[in-house]
């Protein structure tokens, strides 16, 4: 059983990731004044093919924290091994729809020595509409996150249902932020419990919506901004809670850090913890993810998690 009575719904993609390591720096291969005529190739040192997708990543990290999240998305018939893996992790697959006419989504990700990334994403089954509806769940005992799912129409439909039913949700568009129109982005932010972005995505959100940060904070309870190795900031209209990065043993791959962080936020939100504690849970979850190549390759026990929390923040872990 999950550690909280609240059910967590994750609307996000399930994908197969091809992760590649470039031993140089993208900035050395791109001429800014020739960006209009860009044609580059990167010779990579290694290629790893692994399970991924934001929905799968967040659900996997939640399972490490003794939660049983429900993923809302689609896969192709090529995903049986992925579905088996999720079931072995006690992650329900009830709301994952199988589409025979398309393949499961896939991503090709190149990472340079500064941990900058270039990603190509094939939408596949994640672009298919879902038949799921929040009208069929216990709204009072549910929370949700909307992360990249490759189907903005589905995202907006389900977000509107959450608003109607007063289900708390996190909105995290990430790399798909440009897929939303200004009106869609405004509607998704408005009423969200949290709007989570990195500093670059925040600038994009402001440009797309025409809202400044003060206006964004009028529409959402918490603006969460991740700033890489510096950690994150949880901003409200009254205060800024700064969350430093947690300790990690070795930085091997930053790809899954953001999704792991969001899983920590969800656990804290489900348990009604203070913002500081929610952010710290996210930071510790992210610290484990970056120690392995791939987004679902790290494993830890709750005791491991609690120990790292205490070592990182010199405080008892609240879960």
C-alpha atoms as a PDB file:
ATOM      1  CA  UNK A   1       0.000   0.000   0.000  1.00  0.00           C
ATOM      2  CA  UNK A   2       1.040   3.614  -0.573  1.00  0.00           C
ATOM      3  CA  UNK A   3       2.293   5.565   2.420  1.00  0.00           C
ATOM      4  CA  UNK A   4      -0.372   8.264   1.979  1.00  0.00           C
ATOM      5  CA  UNK A   5      -4.151   7.881   1.570  1.00  0.00           C
ATOM      6  CA  UNK A   6      -4.009  10.485  -1.203  1.00  0.00           C
ATOM      7  CA  UNK A   7      -3.856   9.062  -4.732  1.00  0.00           C
ATOM      8  CA  UNK A   8      -1.326  10.677  -7.055  1.00  0.00           C
ATOM      9  CA  UNK A   9      -2.125  10.934 -10.779  1.00  0.00           C
ATOM     10  CA  UNK A  10       0.693  11.578 -13.234  1.00  0.00           C
ATOM     11  CA  UNK A  11      -0.244  12.830 -16.694  1.00  0.00           C
ATOM     12  CA  UNK A  12       2.994  12.474 -18.621  1.00  0.00           C
ATOM     13  CA  UNK A  13       4.752  10.498 -21.297  1.00  0.00           C
ATOM     14  CA  UNK A  14       6.126   6.978 -21.217  1.00  0.00           C
ATOM     15  CA  UNK A  15       9.076   6.669 -23.571  1.00  0.00           C
ATOM     16  CA  UNK A  16      12.207   4.805 -24.464  1.00  0.00           C
ATOM     17  CA  UNK A  17      15.264   7.072 -24.085  1.00  0.00           C
ATOM     18  CA  UNK A  18      18.470   6.965 -26.082  1.00  0.00           C
ATOM     19  CA  UNK A  19      20.968   8.871 -23.920  1.00  0.00           C
ATOM     20  CA  UNK A  20      24.266   9.967 -25.479  1.00  0.00           C
ATOM     21  CA  UNK A  21      27.322  11.593 -23.886  1.00  0.00           C
ATOM     22  CA  UNK A  22      29.205  14.259 -25.855  1.00  0.00           C
ATOM     23  CA  UNK A  23      32.732  14.749 -24.427  1.00  0.00           C
ATOM     24  CA  UNK A  24      32.920  18.423 -25.431  1.00  0.00           C
ATOM     25  CA  UNK A  25      30.856  21.595 -25.045  1.00  0.00           C
ATOM     26  CA  UNK A  26      27.982  22.593 -27.309  1.00  0.00           C
ATOM     27  CA  UNK A  27      29.103  26.225 -27.089  1.00  0.00           C
ATOM     28  CA  UNK A  28      32.363  25.311 -28.838  1.00  0.00           C
ATOM     29  CA  UNK A  29      30.479  23.787 -31.774  1.00  0.00           C
ATOM     30  CA  UNK A  30      27.942  26.523 -32.438  1.00  0.00           C
ATOM     31  CA  UNK A  31      28.682  29.947 -33.929  1.00  0.00           C
ATOM     32  CA  UNK A  32      26.119  32.393 -32.494  1.00  0.00           C
ATOM     33  CA  UNK A  33      26.292  34.716 -35.513  1.00  0.00           C
ATOM     34  CA  UNK A  34      25.577  31.757 -37.840  1.00  0.00           C
ATOM     35  CA  UNK A  35      22.638  30.350 -35.883  1.00  0.00           C
ATOM     36  CA  UNK A  36      20.341  31.057 -38.852  1.00  0.00           C
ATOM     37  CA  UNK A  37      22.315  28.501 -40.880  1.00  0.00           C
ATOM     38  CA  UNK A  38      22.897  25.903 -38.170  1.00  0.00           C
ATOM     39  CA  UNK A  39      24.190  22.483 -39.206  1.00  0.00           C
ATOM     40  CA  UNK A  40      26.104  20.552 -36.554  1.00  0.00           C
ATOM     41  CA  UNK A  41      26.969  16.970 -35.714  1.00  0.00           C
ATOM     42  CA  UNK A  42      28.186  15.641 -32.369  1.00  0.00           C
ATOM     43  CA  UNK A  43      30.353  12.536 -32.039  1.00  0.00           C
ATOM     44  CA  UNK A  44      29.323  10.862 -28.798  1.00  0.00           C
ATOM     45  CA  UNK A  45      31.293   8.560 -26.521  1.00  0.00           C
ATOM     46  CA  UNK A  46      28.466   6.307 -25.378  1.00  0.00           C
ATOM     47  CA  UNK A  47      24.835   5.460 -26.093  1.00  0.00           C
ATOM     48  CA  UNK A  48      22.439   3.952 -23.541  1.00  0.00           C
ATOM     49  CA  UNK A  49      18.884   2.861 -24.384  1.00  0.00           C
ATOM     50  CA  UNK A  50      16.669   2.949 -21.311  1.00  0.00           C
ATOM     51  CA  UNK A  51      13.141   3.454 -19.992  1.00  0.00           C
ATOM     52  CA  UNK A  52      12.076   7.078 -19.670  1.00  0.00           C
ATOM     53  CA  UNK A  53       9.406   9.674 -20.329  1.00  0.00           C
ATOM     54  CA  UNK A  54       8.395  12.249 -17.730  1.00  0.00           C
ATOM     55  CA  UNK A  55       5.347  10.290 -16.606  1.00  0.00           C
ATOM     56  CA  UNK A  56       7.301   7.087 -16.159  1.00  0.00           C
ATOM     57  CA  UNK A  57      10.198   8.839 -14.456  1.00  0.00           C
ATOM     58  CA  UNK A  58       8.037  10.626 -11.907  1.00  0.00           C
ATOM     59  CA  UNK A  59       6.050   7.467 -11.187  1.00  0.00           C
ATOM     60  CA  UNK A  60       9.242   5.448 -10.718  1.00  0.00           C
ATOM     61  CA  UNK A  61      10.642   7.974  -8.239  1.00  0.00           C
ATOM     62  CA  UNK A  62       7.335   8.015  -6.371  1.00  0.00           C
ATOM     63  CA  UNK A  63       7.500   4.227  -6.072  1.00  0.00           C
ATOM     64  CA  UNK A  64      10.916   4.529  -4.415  1.00  0.00           C
ATOM     65  CA  UNK A  65       9.179   6.706  -1.820  1.00  0.00           C
ATOM     66  CA  UNK A  66       6.530   4.019  -1.200  1.00  0.00           C
ATOM     67  CA  UNK A  67       3.818   5.626  -3.320  1.00  0.00           C
ATOM     68  CA  UNK A  68       1.648   3.928  -5.959  1.00  0.00           C
ATOM     69  CA  UNK A  69       0.945   6.622  -8.562  1.00  0.00           C
ATOM     70  CA  UNK A  70      -1.410   6.266 -11.507  1.00  0.00           C
ATOM     71  CA  UNK A  71       0.083   7.141 -14.898  1.00  0.00           C
ATOM     72  CA  UNK A  72      -2.283   8.652 -17.464  1.00  0.00           C
ATOM     73  CA  UNK A  73      -0.861   8.143 -20.962  1.00  0.00           C
ATOM     74  CA  UNK A  74      -0.551   5.761 -23.886  1.00  0.00           C
ATOM     75  CA  UNK A  75       2.023   3.289 -25.197  1.00  0.00           C
ATOM     76  CA  UNK A  76       2.425   1.098 -28.262  1.00  0.00           C
ATOM     77  CA  UNK A  77       2.429  -2.684 -28.357  1.00  0.00           C
ATOM     78  CA  UNK A  78       6.236  -2.502 -28.104  1.00  0.00           C
ATOM     79  CA  UNK A  79       6.002  -1.444 -24.439  1.00  0.00           C
ATOM     80  CA  UNK A  80       5.188  -4.761 -22.763  1.00  0.00           C
ATOM     81  CA  UNK A  81       8.584  -4.892 -21.038  1.00  0.00           C
ATOM     82  CA  UNK A  82       8.018  -1.352 -19.728  1.00  0.00           C
ATOM     83  CA  UNK A  83       4.557  -2.224 -18.405  1.00  0.00           C
ATOM     84  CA  UNK A  84       5.925  -5.350 -16.738  1.00  0.00           C
ATOM     85  CA  UNK A  85       8.621  -3.260 -15.060  1.00  0.00           C
ATOM     86  CA  UNK A  86       6.029  -0.796 -13.726  1.00  0.00           C
ATOM     87  CA  UNK A  87       3.878  -3.590 -12.318  1.00  0.00           C
ATOM     88  CA  UNK A  88       6.914  -5.110 -10.617  1.00  0.00           C
ATOM     89  CA  UNK A  89       7.387  -1.713  -8.934  1.00  0.00           C
ATOM     90  CA  UNK A  90       3.731  -1.846  -7.745  1.00  0.00           C
ATOM     91  CA  UNK A  91       2.844   1.025 -10.065  1.00  0.00           C
ATOM     92  CA  UNK A  92      -0.729   0.523 -11.359  1.00  0.00           C
ATOM     93  CA  UNK A  93      -1.107   0.442 -15.143  1.00  0.00           C
ATOM     94  CA  UNK A  94      -4.910   0.779 -15.149  1.00  0.00           C
ATOM     95  CA  UNK A  95      -4.894   4.126 -16.978  1.00  0.00           C
ATOM     96  CA  UNK A  96      -2.112   3.389 -19.477  1.00  0.00           C
ATOM     97  CA  UNK A  97      -3.815   2.766 -22.821  1.00  0.00           C
ATOM     98  CA  UNK A  98      -2.210   0.523 -25.460  1.00  0.00           C
ATOM     99  CA  UNK A  99      -2.368   1.659 -29.103  1.00  0.00           C
ATOM    100  CA  UNK A 100      -1.614  -0.922 -31.776  1.00  0.00           C
ATOM    101  CA  UNK A 101      -1.192   1.542 -34.648  1.00  0.00           C
ATOM    102  CA  UNK A 102       1.751   3.543 -33.248  1.00  0.00           C
ATOM    103  CA  UNK A 103       4.977   2.897 -31.378  1.00  0.00           C
ATOM    104  CA  UNK A 104       5.753   4.004 -27.843  1.00  0.00           C
ATOM    105  CA  UNK A 105       7.247   7.489 -27.627  1.00  0.00           C
ATOM    106  CA  UNK A 106      11.026   7.774 -27.835  1.00  0.00           C
ATOM    107  CA  UNK A 107      13.615  10.432 -27.019  1.00  0.00           C
ATOM    108  CA  UNK A 108      17.190  10.941 -28.217  1.00  0.00           C
ATOM    109  CA  UNK A 109      19.163  13.029 -25.727  1.00  0.00           C
ATOM    110  CA  UNK A 110      22.708  14.367 -26.126  1.00  0.00           C
ATOM    111  CA  UNK A 111      24.421  15.741 -23.002  1.00  0.00           C
ATOM    112  CA  UNK A 112      27.643  17.796 -23.068  1.00  0.00           C
ATOM    113  CA  UNK A 113      30.281  18.239 -20.362  1.00  0.00           C
ATOM    114  CA  UNK A 114      28.388  21.177 -18.842  1.00  0.00           C
ATOM    115  CA  UNK A 115      25.258  19.019 -18.593  1.00  0.00           C
ATOM    116  CA  UNK A 116      23.534  21.036 -21.311  1.00  0.00           C
ATOM    117  CA  UNK A 117      21.168  18.892 -23.344  1.00  0.00           C
ATOM    118  CA  UNK A 118      19.726  18.688 -26.846  1.00  0.00           C
ATOM    119  CA  UNK A 119      16.703  16.406 -27.213  1.00  0.00           C
ATOM    120  CA  UNK A 120      14.738  15.035 -30.138  1.00  0.00           C
ATOM    121  CA  UNK A 121      11.377  13.487 -29.236  1.00  0.00           C
ATOM    122  CA  UNK A 122       9.142  11.188 -31.276  1.00  0.00           C
ATOM    123  CA  UNK A 123       5.600  11.586 -29.940  1.00  0.00           C
ATOM    124  CA  UNK A 124       4.211   8.175 -30.858  1.00  0.00           C
ATOM    125  CA  UNK A 125       1.512   6.807 -28.553  1.00  0.00           C
ATOM    126  CA  UNK A 126       1.813   9.694 -26.092  1.00  0.00           C
ATOM    127  CA  UNK A 127       0.079  11.883 -28.649  1.00  0.00           C
ATOM    128  CA  UNK A 128      -3.055   9.759 -28.641  1.00  0.00           C
ATOM    129  CA  UNK A 129      -6.063  11.091 -26.682  1.00  0.00           C
ATOM    130  CA  UNK A 130      -6.879   9.471 -23.358  1.00  0.00           C
ATOM    131  CA  UNK A 131     -10.268   8.204 -22.226  1.00  0.00           C
ATOM    132  CA  UNK A 132      -9.397   8.929 -18.578  1.00  0.00           C
ATOM    133  CA  UNK A 133     -11.500  11.433 -16.646  1.00  0.00           C
ATOM    134  CA  UNK A 134     -11.039  12.839 -13.151  1.00  0.00           C
ATOM    135  CA  UNK A 135     -14.820  12.674 -12.794  1.00  0.00           C
ATOM    136  CA  UNK A 136     -14.322   8.969 -12.068  1.00  0.00           C
ATOM    137  CA  UNK A 137     -11.987   9.399  -9.068  1.00  0.00           C
ATOM    138  CA  UNK A 138     -12.351  10.572  -5.474  1.00  0.00           C
ATOM    139  CA  UNK A 139     -11.539  14.247  -5.930  1.00  0.00           C
ATOM    140  CA  UNK A 140     -11.086  14.867  -2.200  1.00  0.00           C
ATOM    141  CA  UNK A 141      -8.342  12.234  -1.981  1.00  0.00           C
ATOM    142  CA  UNK A 142      -6.472  12.981  -5.206  1.00  0.00           C
ATOM    143  CA  UNK A 143      -3.670  15.227  -6.440  1.00  0.00           C
ATOM    144  CA  UNK A 144      -2.169  15.408  -9.917  1.00  0.00           C
ATOM    145  CA  UNK A 145       0.816  16.549 -11.897  1.00  0.00           C
ATOM    146  CA  UNK A 146       0.786  17.583 -15.534  1.00  0.00           C
ATOM    147  CA  UNK A 147       4.222  17.082 -17.030  1.00  0.00           C
ATOM    148  CA  UNK A 148       5.242  16.691 -20.705  1.00  0.00           C
ATOM    149  CA  UNK A 149       2.664  14.357 -22.242  1.00  0.00           C
ATOM    150  CA  UNK A 150       2.835  15.363 -25.937  1.00  0.00           C
ATOM    151  CA  UNK A 151      -0.896  16.054 -26.090  1.00  0.00           C
ATOM    152  CA  UNK A 152      -1.784  19.559 -24.974  1.00  0.00           C
ATOM    153  CA  UNK A 153      -5.486  18.995 -25.713  1.00  0.00           C
ATOM    154  CA  UNK A 154      -5.577  16.160 -23.183  1.00  0.00           C
ATOM    155  CA  UNK A 155      -3.584  18.219 -20.701  1.00  0.00           C
ATOM    156  CA  UNK A 156      -5.993  21.136 -20.928  1.00  0.00           C
ATOM    157  CA  UNK A 157      -9.070  18.893 -20.709  1.00  0.00           C
ATOM    158  CA  UNK A 158      -7.778  17.197 -17.566  1.00  0.00           C
ATOM    159  CA  UNK A 159      -6.535  20.454 -16.023  1.00  0.00           C
ATOM    160  CA  UNK A 160     -10.000  21.941 -16.479  1.00  0.00           C
ATOM    161  CA  UNK A 161     -11.488  18.873 -14.774  1.00  0.00           C
ATOM    162  CA  UNK A 162      -9.111  19.354 -11.837  1.00  0.00           C
ATOM    163  CA  UNK A 163     -10.226  22.962 -11.509  1.00  0.00           C
ATOM    164  CA  UNK A 164     -13.882  21.980 -11.676  1.00  0.00           C
ATOM    165  CA  UNK A 165     -13.435  19.255  -9.055  1.00  0.00           C
ATOM    166  CA  UNK A 166     -11.010  21.293  -6.906  1.00  0.00           C
ATOM    167  CA  UNK A 167      -8.212  18.725  -7.282  1.00  0.00           C
ATOM    168  CA  UNK A 168      -4.823  20.224  -6.439  1.00  0.00           C
ATOM    169  CA  UNK A 169      -2.303  19.917  -9.239  1.00  0.00           C
ATOM    170  CA  UNK A 170       1.247  20.762 -10.243  1.00  0.00           C
ATOM    171  CA  UNK A 171       1.751  22.138 -13.749  1.00  0.00           C
ATOM    172  CA  UNK A 172       5.181  21.429 -15.209  1.00  0.00           C
ATOM    173  CA  UNK A 173       5.306  21.936 -19.002  1.00  0.00           C
ATOM    174  CA  UNK A 174       9.121  21.619 -19.230  1.00  0.00           C
ATOM    175  CA  UNK A 175      10.361  21.256 -22.815  1.00  0.00           C
ATOM    176  CA  UNK A 176       6.795  21.242 -24.187  1.00  0.00           C
ATOM    177  CA  UNK A 177       6.118  24.791 -23.002  1.00  0.00           C
ATOM    178  CA  UNK A 178       6.215  26.085 -26.584  1.00  0.00           C
ATOM    179  CA  UNK A 179       3.432  23.650 -27.535  1.00  0.00           C
ATOM    180  CA  UNK A 180       0.957  25.694 -25.471  1.00  0.00           C
ATOM    181  CA  UNK A 181      -0.684  28.848 -26.767  1.00  0.00           C
ATOM    182  CA  UNK A 182      -0.621  31.911 -24.557  1.00  0.00           C
ATOM    183  CA  UNK A 183      -4.232  31.347 -23.532  1.00  0.00           C
ATOM    184  CA  UNK A 184      -3.619  27.666 -22.770  1.00  0.00           C
ATOM    185  CA  UNK A 185      -0.564  28.447 -20.671  1.00  0.00           C
ATOM    186  CA  UNK A 186      -2.457  31.103 -18.730  1.00  0.00           C
ATOM    187  CA  UNK A 187      -5.330  28.699 -18.078  1.00  0.00           C
ATOM    188  CA  UNK A 188      -2.978  25.934 -16.909  1.00  0.00           C
ATOM    189  CA  UNK A 189      -1.029  28.217 -14.561  1.00  0.00           C
ATOM    190  CA  UNK A 190      -4.162  29.823 -13.170  1.00  0.00           C
ATOM    191  CA  UNK A 191      -5.380  27.742 -10.247  1.00  0.00           C
ATOM    192  CA  UNK A 192      -2.356  25.435 -10.101  1.00  0.00           C
ATOM    193  CA  UNK A 193      -1.056  24.570  -6.651  1.00  0.00           C
ATOM    194  CA  UNK A 194       2.441  24.827  -8.139  1.00  0.00           C
ATOM    195  CA  UNK A 195       3.895  25.967 -11.437  1.00  0.00           C
ATOM    196  CA  UNK A 196       7.355  24.441 -11.812  1.00  0.00           C
ATOM    197  CA  UNK A 197       9.974  25.578 -14.339  1.00  0.00           C
ATOM    198  CA  UNK A 198      13.695  26.153 -14.653  1.00  0.00           C
ATOM    199  CA  UNK A 199      14.970  29.701 -15.031  1.00  0.00           C
ATOM    200  CA  UNK A 200      15.017  29.451 -18.839  1.00  0.00           C
ATOM    201  CA  UNK A 201      11.453  28.104 -18.995  1.00  0.00           C
ATOM    202  CA  UNK A 202      10.284  30.904 -16.701  1.00  0.00           C
ATOM    203  CA  UNK A 203      11.462  33.461 -19.254  1.00  0.00           C
ATOM    204  CA  UNK A 204       9.653  31.547 -21.992  1.00  0.00           C
ATOM    205  CA  UNK A 205       6.468  31.421 -19.912  1.00  0.00           C
ATOM    206  CA  UNK A 206       6.623  35.163 -19.355  1.00  0.00           C
ATOM    207  CA  UNK A 207       7.127  35.782 -23.064  1.00  0.00           C
ATOM    208  CA  UNK A 208       4.322  33.427 -24.153  1.00  0.00           C
ATOM    209  CA  UNK A 209       1.766  34.671 -21.609  1.00  0.00           C
ATOM    210  CA  UNK A 210       2.802  38.307 -21.425  1.00  0.00           C
ATOM    211  CA  UNK A 211       2.699  37.952 -17.624  1.00  0.00           C
ATOM    212  CA  UNK A 212       5.507  39.081 -15.360  1.00  0.00           C
ATOM    213  CA  UNK A 213       6.457  37.034 -12.309  1.00  0.00           C
ATOM    214  CA  UNK A 214       4.209  39.043 -10.006  1.00  0.00           C
ATOM    215  CA  UNK A 215       1.219  38.256 -12.210  1.00  0.00           C
ATOM    216  CA  UNK A 216       2.127  34.569 -12.352  1.00  0.00           C
ATOM    217  CA  UNK A 217       2.152  34.538  -8.544  1.00  0.00           C
ATOM    218  CA  UNK A 218      -1.343  36.009  -8.540  1.00  0.00           C
ATOM    219  CA  UNK A 219      -2.522  32.982 -10.519  1.00  0.00           C
ATOM    220  CA  UNK A 220      -0.677  30.080  -8.825  1.00  0.00           C
ATOM    221  CA  UNK A 221       0.027  29.421  -5.162  1.00  0.00           C
ATOM    222  CA  UNK A 222       3.704  28.557  -5.622  1.00  0.00           C
ATOM    223  CA  UNK A 223       6.192  29.236  -8.415  1.00  0.00           C
ATOM    224  CA  UNK A 224       9.012  26.675  -8.231  1.00  0.00           C
ATOM    225  CA  UNK A 225      12.155  27.620 -10.150  1.00  0.00           C
ATOM    226  CA  UNK A 226      15.012  25.126 -10.414  1.00  0.00           C
ATOM    227  CA  UNK A 227      18.477  26.584 -10.962  1.00  0.00           C
ATOM    228  CA  UNK A 228      20.640  23.533 -11.636  1.00  0.00           C
ATOM    229  CA  UNK A 229      23.494  22.896  -9.219  1.00  0.00           C
ATOM    230  CA  UNK A 230      22.363  25.862  -7.100  1.00  0.00           C
ATOM    231  CA  UNK A 231      19.176  24.040  -6.157  1.00  0.00           C
ATOM    232  CA  UNK A 232      15.731  25.599  -6.408  1.00  0.00           C
ATOM    233  CA  UNK A 233      13.552  28.445  -5.187  1.00  0.00           C
ATOM    234  CA  UNK A 234       9.944  28.131  -4.055  1.00  0.00           C
ATOM    235  CA  UNK A 235       8.386  31.546  -4.575  1.00  0.00           C
ATOM    236  CA  UNK A 236       5.066  32.828  -3.293  1.00  0.00           C
ATOM    237  CA  UNK A 237       3.629  36.330  -3.239  1.00  0.00           C
ATOM    238  CA  UNK A 238       4.912  36.634   0.342  1.00  0.00           C
ATOM    239  CA  UNK A 239       8.307  34.910   0.446  1.00  0.00           C
ATOM    240  CA  UNK A 240      11.039  32.977  -1.342  1.00  0.00           C
ATOM    241  CA  UNK A 241      12.130  29.648   0.135  1.00  0.00           C
ATOM    242  CA  UNK A 242      15.596  28.719  -1.138  1.00  0.00           C
ATOM    243  CA  UNK A 243      16.369  25.005  -1.347  1.00  0.00           C
ATOM    244  CA  UNK A 244      20.047  24.087  -1.835  1.00  0.00           C
ATOM    245  CA  UNK A 245      20.969  20.998  -3.821  1.00  0.00           C
ATOM    246  CA  UNK A 246      21.317  17.872  -1.690  1.00  0.00           C
ATOM    247  CA  UNK A 247      24.558  15.920  -1.420  1.00  0.00           C
ATOM    248  CA  UNK A 248      25.322  13.359  -4.102  1.00  0.00           C
ATOM    249  CA  UNK A 249      28.203  10.947  -4.456  1.00  0.00           C
ATOM    250  CA  UNK A 250      28.838  11.450  -8.165  1.00  0.00           C
ATOM    251  CA  UNK A 251      27.191  13.399 -10.988  1.00  0.00           C
ATOM    252  CA  UNK A 252      26.845  11.041 -13.948  1.00  0.00           C
ATOM    253  CA  UNK A 253      23.693  12.163 -15.766  1.00  0.00           C
ATOM    254  CA  UNK A 254      21.368  15.127 -15.048  1.00  0.00           C
ATOM    255  CA  UNK A 255      18.589  13.872 -17.329  1.00  0.00           C
ATOM    256  CA  UNK A 256      16.258  12.538 -14.630  1.00  0.00           C
ATOM    257  CA  UNK A 257      16.929  15.135 -11.936  1.00  0.00           C
ATOM    258  CA  UNK A 258      13.898  17.299 -12.656  1.00  0.00           C
ATOM    259  CA  UNK A 259      11.423  14.427 -12.666  1.00  0.00           C
ATOM    260  CA  UNK A 260      12.875  13.032  -9.435  1.00  0.00           C
ATOM    261  CA  UNK A 261      12.602  16.487  -7.870  1.00  0.00           C
ATOM    262  CA  UNK A 262       8.926  16.725  -8.848  1.00  0.00           C
ATOM    263  CA  UNK A 263       8.274  13.325  -7.241  1.00  0.00           C
ATOM    264  CA  UNK A 264       9.613  14.685  -3.963  1.00  0.00           C
ATOM    265  CA  UNK A 265       7.356  17.727  -4.259  1.00  0.00           C
ATOM    266  CA  UNK A 266       4.344  15.475  -4.827  1.00  0.00           C
ATOM    267  CA  UNK A 267       5.060  13.370  -1.746  1.00  0.00           C
ATOM    268  CA  UNK A 268       5.411  16.500   0.364  1.00  0.00           C
ATOM    269  CA  UNK A 269       2.247  17.970  -1.094  1.00  0.00           C
ATOM    270  CA  UNK A 270       0.293  14.735  -0.535  1.00  0.00           C
ATOM    271  CA  UNK A 271       1.332  14.740   3.118  1.00  0.00           C
ATOM    272  CA  UNK A 272       0.625  18.414   3.709  1.00  0.00           C
ATOM    273  CA  UNK A 273       4.231  19.346   4.511  1.00  0.00           C
ATOM    274  CA  UNK A 274       5.615  22.873   4.579  1.00  0.00           C
ATOM    275  CA  UNK A 275       7.188  24.246   1.393  1.00  0.00           C
ATOM    276  CA  UNK A 276      10.690  23.956   2.830  1.00  0.00           C
ATOM    277  CA  UNK A 277      10.208  20.261   3.455  1.00  0.00           C
ATOM    278  CA  UNK A 278       8.592  19.658   0.065  1.00  0.00           C
ATOM    279  CA  UNK A 279      11.557  21.264  -1.676  1.00  0.00           C
ATOM    280  CA  UNK A 280      14.082  19.341   0.386  1.00  0.00           C
ATOM    281  CA  UNK A 281      12.371  16.040  -0.421  1.00  0.00           C
ATOM    282  CA  UNK A 282      12.634  16.969  -4.078  1.00  0.00           C
ATOM    283  CA  UNK A 283      16.305  17.863  -3.753  1.00  0.00           C
ATOM    284  CA  UNK A 284      17.184  14.560  -2.095  1.00  0.00           C
ATOM    285  CA  UNK A 285      15.237  12.535  -4.670  1.00  0.00           C
ATOM    286  CA  UNK A 286      17.074  14.377  -7.456  1.00  0.00           C
ATOM    287  CA  UNK A 287      20.458  13.724  -5.835  1.00  0.00           C
ATOM    288  CA  UNK A 288      19.995   9.965  -6.217  1.00  0.00           C
ATOM    289  CA  UNK A 289      18.820  10.238  -9.830  1.00  0.00           C
ATOM    290  CA  UNK A 290      21.929  12.053 -11.098  1.00  0.00           C
ATOM    291  CA  UNK A 291      24.268   9.348  -9.806  1.00  0.00           C
ATOM    292  CA  UNK A 292      23.291   6.949 -12.602  1.00  0.00           C
ATOM    293  CA  UNK A 293      23.047   7.134 -16.375  1.00  0.00           C
ATOM    294  CA  UNK A 294      19.352   6.955 -17.174  1.00  0.00           C
ATOM    295  CA  UNK A 295      16.244   8.195 -15.450  1.00  0.00           C
ATOM    296  CA  UNK A 296      15.021   4.986 -13.788  1.00  0.00           C
ATOM    297  CA  UNK A 297      18.280   3.207 -12.969  1.00  0.00           C
ATOM    298  CA  UNK A 298      18.832   4.463  -9.412  1.00  0.00           C
ATOM    299  CA  UNK A 299      17.596   2.486  -6.413  1.00  0.00           C
ATOM    300  CA  UNK A 300      17.520   3.418  -2.737  1.00  0.00           C
ATOM    301  CA  UNK A 301      15.691   2.444   0.433  1.00  0.00           C
ATOM    302  CA  UNK A 302      13.678   4.807   2.591  1.00  0.00           C
ATOM    303  CA  UNK A 303      16.444   4.549   5.191  1.00  0.00           C
ATOM    304  CA  UNK A 304      18.997   5.611   2.541  1.00  0.00           C
ATOM    305  CA  UNK A 305      16.763   8.546   1.667  1.00  0.00           C
ATOM    306  CA  UNK A 306      16.349   9.624   5.282  1.00  0.00           C
ATOM    307  CA  UNK A 307      20.082   9.416   5.914  1.00  0.00           C
ATOM    308  CA  UNK A 308      20.916  11.603   2.932  1.00  0.00           C
ATOM    309  CA  UNK A 309      18.227  14.101   3.920  1.00  0.00           C
ATOM    310  CA  UNK A 310      19.747  14.394   7.387  1.00  0.00           C
ATOM    311  CA  UNK A 311      23.285  14.686   6.017  1.00  0.00           C
ATOM    312  CA  UNK A 312      22.268  17.317   3.456  1.00  0.00           C
ATOM    313  CA  UNK A 313      20.094  19.530   5.647  1.00  0.00           C
ATOM    314  CA  UNK A 314      21.136  18.626   9.206  1.00  0.00           C
ATOM    315  CA  UNK A 315      17.516  17.924  10.064  1.00  0.00           C
ATOM    316  CA  UNK A 316      15.304  14.883  10.461  1.00  0.00           C
ATOM    317  CA  UNK A 317      13.539  13.698   7.334  1.00  0.00           C
ATOM    318  CA  UNK A 318       9.782  14.415   7.589  1.00  0.00           C
ATOM    319  CA  UNK A 319       8.725  11.152   5.923  1.00  0.00           C
END
